């Protein structure tokens, strides 16, 4: 299928001229831009048909839910053969790209304004709208993933079983202190999952199919402590403006959500680099580790030497 998507899609879209593969993120899904005479669409292709069915059900469910709460997401045009979702084409401009480009600084403020509004709208979605929850068992599973795929390869303490067990104890204590898990969350609310629409210039969300109930600050820290982008002085300004819109912040819970999120990201990066040999994620490791070490709650749970990085791993 993935070798010739035009053949499979042509009966459903007779005007289809060609398809161009688009580089995706960390998932096994494949993406193609579909070219027609006067417009384009995007095809998201799941590799295994049987496994794709529940995943596509989530995509369609949350596309409707997000739209119902005035959140901008790509429109679904068709679902084909239970493993292909054809969607509106948003274009190629990631929010990450715009906020990194100092030549586009005039665009930053309206983008920050939109992202703040999106966070408030996400909070307004009732937690009952998703059955998935980032409960204690799931948080511990994420820490185990970090212990399996990052710590042994990158951290000095991860070189021995004794060290891993000591770190595991501290990680579990950290997630156990995350006392509030009661708010609807996108779950991957970072700047590579936000796109500037090619036609209307608005911020659209993608990769929302794993939305769940989490900390009330999970989406906020996913953006402000983003592994893919350093907001620098804009972080404080953004937080203050968000609070001015009525978004209340409890700092202790915010910091715990942030350090948990960053450690989870390190586990993902380790897996991508060491298991899937996807080395493009290596460049985000040091920034994310700095996020962990500089977190105001770090000393409450960890010792500095727990997170000593072996630079030879990154060379």
Protein backbone atom coordinates (compact mmCIF):
# COMPACT_ATOMS: atom_id res chain seq x y z
CA UNK A 1 0.00 0.00 0.00
CA UNK A 2 2.60 2.55 1.12
CA UNK A 3 4.61 1.93 -2.06
CA UNK A 4 1.80 3.14 -4.30
CA UNK A 5 -0.87 5.16 -2.46
CA UNK A 6 -2.19 6.65 -5.71
CA UNK A 7 -3.38 3.23 -6.88
CA UNK A 8 -5.34 2.60 -3.68
CA UNK A 9 -6.75 6.13 -3.41
CA UNK A 10 -7.64 6.73 -7.07
CA UNK A 11 -11.01 4.91 -6.94
CA UNK A 12 -12.06 7.16 -4.06
CA UNK A 13 -10.55 10.34 -5.52
CA UNK A 14 -10.73 10.13 -9.35
CA UNK A 15 -9.07 13.53 -9.74
CA UNK A 16 -5.94 12.48 -7.89
CA UNK A 17 -2.81 13.32 -9.92
CA UNK A 18 0.05 12.21 -7.69
CA UNK A 19 1.11 11.62 -4.07
CA UNK A 20 4.26 12.80 -2.34
CA UNK A 21 5.52 11.21 0.87
CA UNK A 22 5.95 13.59 3.81
CA UNK A 23 8.44 12.97 6.61
CA UNK A 24 6.48 12.14 9.76
CA UNK A 25 7.30 12.28 13.44
CA UNK A 26 8.04 9.44 15.85
CA UNK A 27 5.09 7.20 14.97
CA UNK A 28 4.96 4.38 12.43
CA UNK A 29 2.22 6.14 10.46
CA UNK A 30 3.03 7.34 6.95
CA UNK A 31 1.90 10.66 5.49
CA UNK A 32 1.33 11.64 1.88
CA UNK A 33 0.32 14.91 0.26
CA UNK A 34 -2.27 14.22 -2.43
CA UNK A 35 -2.23 16.50 -5.45
CA UNK A 36 -5.34 17.38 -7.43
CA UNK A 37 -5.88 19.93 -10.17
CA UNK A 38 -6.60 22.89 -7.87
CA UNK A 39 -6.08 21.66 -4.31
CA UNK A 40 -4.22 19.21 -2.11
CA UNK A 41 -5.18 16.83 0.71
CA UNK A 42 -3.22 14.79 3.24
CA UNK A 43 -3.40 11.02 3.70
CA UNK A 44 -2.44 9.47 7.03
CA UNK A 45 -1.78 5.75 6.54
CA UNK A 46 -1.64 3.25 9.38
CA UNK A 47 0.69 0.27 8.75
CA UNK A 48 -1.53 -2.52 10.09
CA UNK A 49 -5.21 -2.61 9.22
CA UNK A 50 -6.47 -4.48 12.29
CA UNK A 51 -4.53 -2.32 14.72
CA UNK A 52 -5.57 0.80 12.82
CA UNK A 53 -9.30 0.46 13.48
CA UNK A 54 -9.30 1.64 17.14
CA UNK A 55 -6.73 4.31 16.29
CA UNK A 56 -8.87 5.72 13.50
CA UNK A 57 -11.88 5.64 15.79
CA UNK A 58 -9.94 7.89 18.17
CA UNK A 59 -8.92 10.24 15.36
CA UNK A 60 -12.51 10.67 14.21
CA UNK A 61 -13.87 10.94 17.75
CA UNK A 62 -11.46 13.65 18.84
CA UNK A 63 -11.67 15.52 15.54
CA UNK A 64 -15.40 15.95 16.22
CA UNK A 65 -14.86 16.74 19.91
CA UNK A 66 -12.20 19.38 19.30
CA UNK A 67 -14.33 21.01 16.62
CA UNK A 68 -17.31 21.05 18.99
CA UNK A 69 -15.20 23.10 21.42
CA UNK A 70 -14.06 25.55 18.72
CA UNK A 71 -10.56 24.12 18.47
CA UNK A 72 -9.07 24.17 14.99
CA UNK A 73 -8.07 20.74 13.66
CA UNK A 74 -7.81 19.33 10.12
CA UNK A 75 -11.15 18.30 8.64
CA UNK A 76 -11.52 14.60 7.82
CA UNK A 77 -12.50 14.12 4.18
CA UNK A 78 -12.72 10.33 4.12
CA UNK A 79 -11.68 7.12 5.88
CA UNK A 80 -10.63 4.41 3.43
CA UNK A 81 -10.30 0.68 3.98
CA UNK A 82 -10.13 1.12 7.76
CA UNK A 83 -6.52 2.29 7.75
CA UNK A 84 -6.28 5.50 5.71
CA UNK A 85 -7.52 8.87 6.93
CA UNK A 86 -7.71 11.59 4.28
CA UNK A 87 -7.65 15.06 5.80
CA UNK A 88 -7.54 18.72 4.95
CA UNK A 89 -4.02 19.85 4.03
CA UNK A 90 -2.81 22.45 6.55
CA UNK A 91 0.49 23.07 4.78
CA UNK A 92 4.01 22.62 6.13
CA UNK A 93 4.58 25.51 8.55
CA UNK A 94 5.07 24.35 12.14
CA UNK A 95 4.65 26.81 14.99
CA UNK A 96 8.13 25.67 16.05
CA UNK A 97 9.55 27.03 12.80
CA UNK A 98 7.88 30.44 13.14
CA UNK A 99 8.83 30.93 16.81
CA UNK A 100 12.46 30.08 16.02
CA UNK A 101 12.66 32.60 13.18
CA UNK A 102 13.63 36.07 14.42
CA UNK A 103 12.75 37.46 11.00
CA UNK A 104 9.14 36.57 11.79
CA UNK A 105 9.01 38.11 15.25
CA UNK A 106 6.02 40.25 14.25
CA UNK A 107 4.01 37.01 14.03
CA UNK A 108 4.92 35.78 17.49
CA UNK A 109 2.50 37.78 19.62
CA UNK A 110 -0.67 36.73 17.77
CA UNK A 111 0.54 33.11 17.85
CA UNK A 112 1.10 33.27 21.61
CA UNK A 113 -2.37 34.80 21.94
CA UNK A 114 -3.92 31.94 19.98
CA UNK A 115 -2.04 29.29 21.94
CA UNK A 116 -3.23 30.81 25.22
CA UNK A 117 -6.83 30.69 23.99
CA UNK A 118 -6.35 27.08 22.87
CA UNK A 119 -5.13 26.07 26.33
CA UNK A 120 -8.21 27.60 27.92
CA UNK A 121 -10.51 25.84 25.44
CA UNK A 122 -8.80 22.51 26.13
CA UNK A 123 -9.38 22.98 29.86
CA UNK A 124 -13.07 23.58 29.15
CA UNK A 125 -13.51 20.09 27.67
CA UNK A 126 -14.99 17.83 30.38
CA UNK A 127 -12.66 15.08 31.57
CA UNK A 128 -15.49 12.62 30.95
CA UNK A 129 -15.02 13.09 27.18
CA UNK A 130 -12.10 10.65 27.21
CA UNK A 131 -11.73 7.29 28.94
CA UNK A 132 -7.92 7.43 28.90
CA UNK A 133 -6.21 8.76 32.02
CA UNK A 134 -2.61 9.49 32.93
CA UNK A 135 -3.05 7.79 36.28
CA UNK A 136 -0.30 6.70 38.65
CA UNK A 137 0.17 3.32 36.95
CA UNK A 138 0.58 4.97 33.56
CA UNK A 139 2.97 7.60 34.93
CA UNK A 140 5.12 4.87 36.45
CA UNK A 141 5.08 3.04 33.13
CA UNK A 142 6.45 6.19 31.45
CA UNK A 143 9.23 6.35 34.04
CA UNK A 144 10.01 2.67 33.40
CA UNK A 145 10.30 3.50 29.70
CA UNK A 146 12.81 6.24 30.56
CA UNK A 147 14.74 3.77 32.74
CA UNK A 148 14.83 1.24 29.91
CA UNK A 149 15.62 3.46 26.94
CA UNK A 150 17.42 6.55 28.22
CA UNK A 151 19.11 6.04 31.58
CA UNK A 152 21.30 3.02 30.64
CA UNK A 153 22.64 4.74 27.52
CA UNK A 154 23.02 8.36 28.60
CA UNK A 155 23.34 8.59 32.39
CA UNK A 156 26.23 7.49 34.56
CA UNK A 157 23.85 6.23 37.25
CA UNK A 158 22.15 4.02 34.66
CA UNK A 159 25.28 1.91 34.13
CA UNK A 160 24.51 -0.37 37.08
CA UNK A 161 21.38 -2.17 38.26
CA UNK A 162 21.83 -0.62 41.70
CA UNK A 163 21.92 2.85 40.19
CA UNK A 164 18.82 2.20 38.09
CA UNK A 165 16.91 0.99 41.13
CA UNK A 166 17.90 4.08 43.12
CA UNK A 167 16.79 6.33 40.27
CA UNK A 168 13.56 4.35 39.86
CA UNK A 169 12.68 4.89 43.51
CA UNK A 170 13.12 8.65 43.11
CA UNK A 171 11.14 8.76 39.86
CA UNK A 172 8.25 6.89 41.43
CA UNK A 173 8.27 9.25 44.41
CA UNK A 174 8.11 12.17 41.99
CA UNK A 175 5.09 10.91 40.04
CA UNK A 176 3.34 9.89 43.27
CA UNK A 177 3.48 13.55 44.34
CA UNK A 178 1.46 14.57 41.25
CA UNK A 179 -1.73 14.74 43.27
CA UNK A 180 -4.11 16.19 40.66
CA UNK A 181 -5.09 14.23 37.56
CA UNK A 182 -8.46 15.68 36.65
CA UNK A 183 -8.20 17.76 33.48
CA UNK A 184 -8.69 17.03 29.78
CA UNK A 185 -5.38 17.32 27.93
CA UNK A 186 -4.14 17.09 24.33
CA UNK A 187 -1.15 15.16 25.75
CA UNK A 188 1.41 16.20 23.10
CA UNK A 189 0.89 19.96 23.14
CA UNK A 190 4.26 21.01 21.75
CA UNK A 191 5.20 23.30 18.87
CA UNK A 192 5.70 20.48 16.36
CA UNK A 193 2.05 19.51 16.83
CA UNK A 194 0.81 23.03 16.08
CA UNK A 195 0.63 24.21 12.49
CA UNK A 196 -0.03 27.53 10.81
CA UNK A 197 -2.74 26.96 8.22
CA UNK A 198 -1.49 27.73 4.73
CA UNK A 199 -4.69 29.61 3.80
CA UNK A 200 -6.00 31.38 6.90
CA UNK A 201 -2.83 31.71 9.02
CA UNK A 202 -4.53 30.29 12.14
CA UNK A 203 -2.96 27.82 14.60
CA UNK A 204 -4.28 24.28 14.10
CA UNK A 205 -3.63 21.24 16.33
CA UNK A 206 -2.56 17.82 15.08
CA UNK A 207 -1.73 14.48 16.75
CA UNK A 208 -4.56 14.84 19.27
CA UNK A 209 -5.90 11.28 19.05
CA UNK A 210 -4.29 10.28 22.36
CA UNK A 211 -6.03 13.00 24.39
CA UNK A 212 -6.48 11.96 28.01
CA UNK A 213 -7.11 13.13 31.55
CA UNK A 214 -3.94 14.46 33.17
CA UNK A 215 -2.54 17.18 35.42
CA UNK A 216 -4.26 20.57 34.90
CA UNK A 217 -0.82 21.83 33.80
CA UNK A 218 0.21 19.01 31.48
CA UNK A 219 -0.54 20.83 28.23
CA UNK A 220 0.81 24.12 29.58
CA UNK A 221 4.21 22.63 30.47
CA UNK A 222 4.32 20.69 27.21
CA UNK A 223 4.44 24.11 25.51
CA UNK A 224 6.37 26.27 27.97
CA UNK A 225 8.96 23.55 28.73
CA UNK A 226 8.97 22.31 25.13
CA UNK A 227 11.92 20.10 24.18
CA UNK A 228 11.78 21.41 20.61
CA UNK A 229 11.88 25.12 21.35
CA UNK A 230 13.27 27.52 23.96
CA UNK A 231 10.81 30.36 24.55
CA UNK A 232 13.39 32.25 26.66
CA UNK A 233 11.96 35.54 27.99
CA UNK A 234 8.67 34.90 26.16
CA UNK A 235 7.92 32.05 28.57
CA UNK A 236 7.38 34.38 31.54
CA UNK A 237 5.40 36.84 29.43
CA UNK A 238 3.19 34.04 28.08
CA UNK A 239 2.50 32.65 31.56
CA UNK A 240 1.60 36.08 32.94
CA UNK A 241 -0.78 36.77 30.07
CA UNK A 242 -2.38 33.36 30.48
CA UNK A 243 -2.98 34.03 34.15
CA UNK A 244 -4.46 37.38 33.19
CA UNK A 245 -7.06 35.43 31.20
CA UNK A 246 -8.10 33.56 34.32
CA UNK A 247 -5.84 30.50 33.95
CA UNK A 248 -4.89 29.82 37.59
CA UNK A 249 -1.49 28.26 38.23
CA UNK A 250 -0.33 26.35 41.32
CA UNK A 251 3.44 26.48 40.96
CA UNK A 252 4.26 23.30 42.89
CA UNK A 253 1.97 21.20 40.66
CA UNK A 254 3.21 23.04 37.57
CA UNK A 255 6.84 22.18 38.30
CA UNK A 256 6.07 18.52 39.00
CA UNK A 257 4.10 18.25 35.75
CA UNK A 258 7.01 19.90 33.90
CA UNK A 259 9.74 17.64 35.23
CA UNK A 260 7.60 14.56 34.68
CA UNK A 261 6.88 15.65 31.11
CA UNK A 262 10.55 16.33 30.34
CA UNK A 263 11.70 12.99 31.74
CA UNK A 264 9.02 11.26 29.69
CA UNK A 265 10.34 13.09 26.60
CA UNK A 266 13.90 11.90 27.33
CA UNK A 267 12.63 8.33 27.38
CA UNK A 268 11.05 8.87 23.96
CA UNK A 269 14.23 10.42 22.56
CA UNK A 270 16.35 7.55 23.89
CA UNK A 271 14.02 5.02 22.30
CA UNK A 272 14.00 6.81 18.96
CA UNK A 273 17.79 7.10 18.84
CA UNK A 274 18.87 3.79 20.36
CA UNK A 275 16.12 1.44 19.21
CA UNK A 276 14.72 2.96 16.03
CA UNK A 277 18.07 4.57 15.03
CA UNK A 278 16.24 7.86 14.41
CA UNK A 279 19.13 10.14 15.30
CA UNK A 280 17.34 13.43 14.56
CA UNK A 281 16.09 13.41 18.16
CA UNK A 282 19.62 13.50 19.60
CA UNK A 283 19.78 17.29 19.25
CA UNK A 284 16.89 17.76 21.68
CA UNK A 285 18.38 15.73 24.53
CA UNK A 286 20.67 18.32 26.12
CA UNK A 287 18.00 21.03 26.11
CA UNK A 288 15.49 18.68 27.71
CA UNK A 289 18.01 17.58 30.31
CA UNK A 290 18.67 21.23 31.17
CA UNK A 291 14.93 21.61 31.70
CA UNK A 292 15.04 18.77 34.23
CA UNK A 293 18.10 20.05 36.09
CA UNK A 294 16.83 23.64 36.32
CA UNK A 295 13.33 22.69 37.47
CA UNK A 296 12.63 24.29 40.89
CA UNK A 297 11.43 20.95 42.29
CA UNK A 298 14.48 18.95 41.12
CA UNK A 299 16.22 18.93 44.51
CA UNK A 300 13.08 17.65 46.20
CA UNK A 301 13.38 14.33 44.38
CA UNK A 302 16.83 13.91 42.87
CA UNK A 303 20.54 14.41 43.40
CA UNK A 304 22.50 16.27 40.75
CA UNK A 305 24.76 13.32 39.96
CA UNK A 306 21.69 11.21 39.06
CA UNK A 307 21.51 13.10 35.77
CA UNK A 308 25.16 13.33 34.79
CA UNK A 309 25.22 12.98 31.03
CA UNK A 310 27.80 10.82 29.29
CA UNK A 311 28.70 13.10 26.36
CA UNK A 312 30.35 10.20 24.55
CA UNK A 313 26.85 8.86 23.86
CA UNK A 314 25.98 12.00 21.93
CA UNK A 315 29.25 12.28 19.98
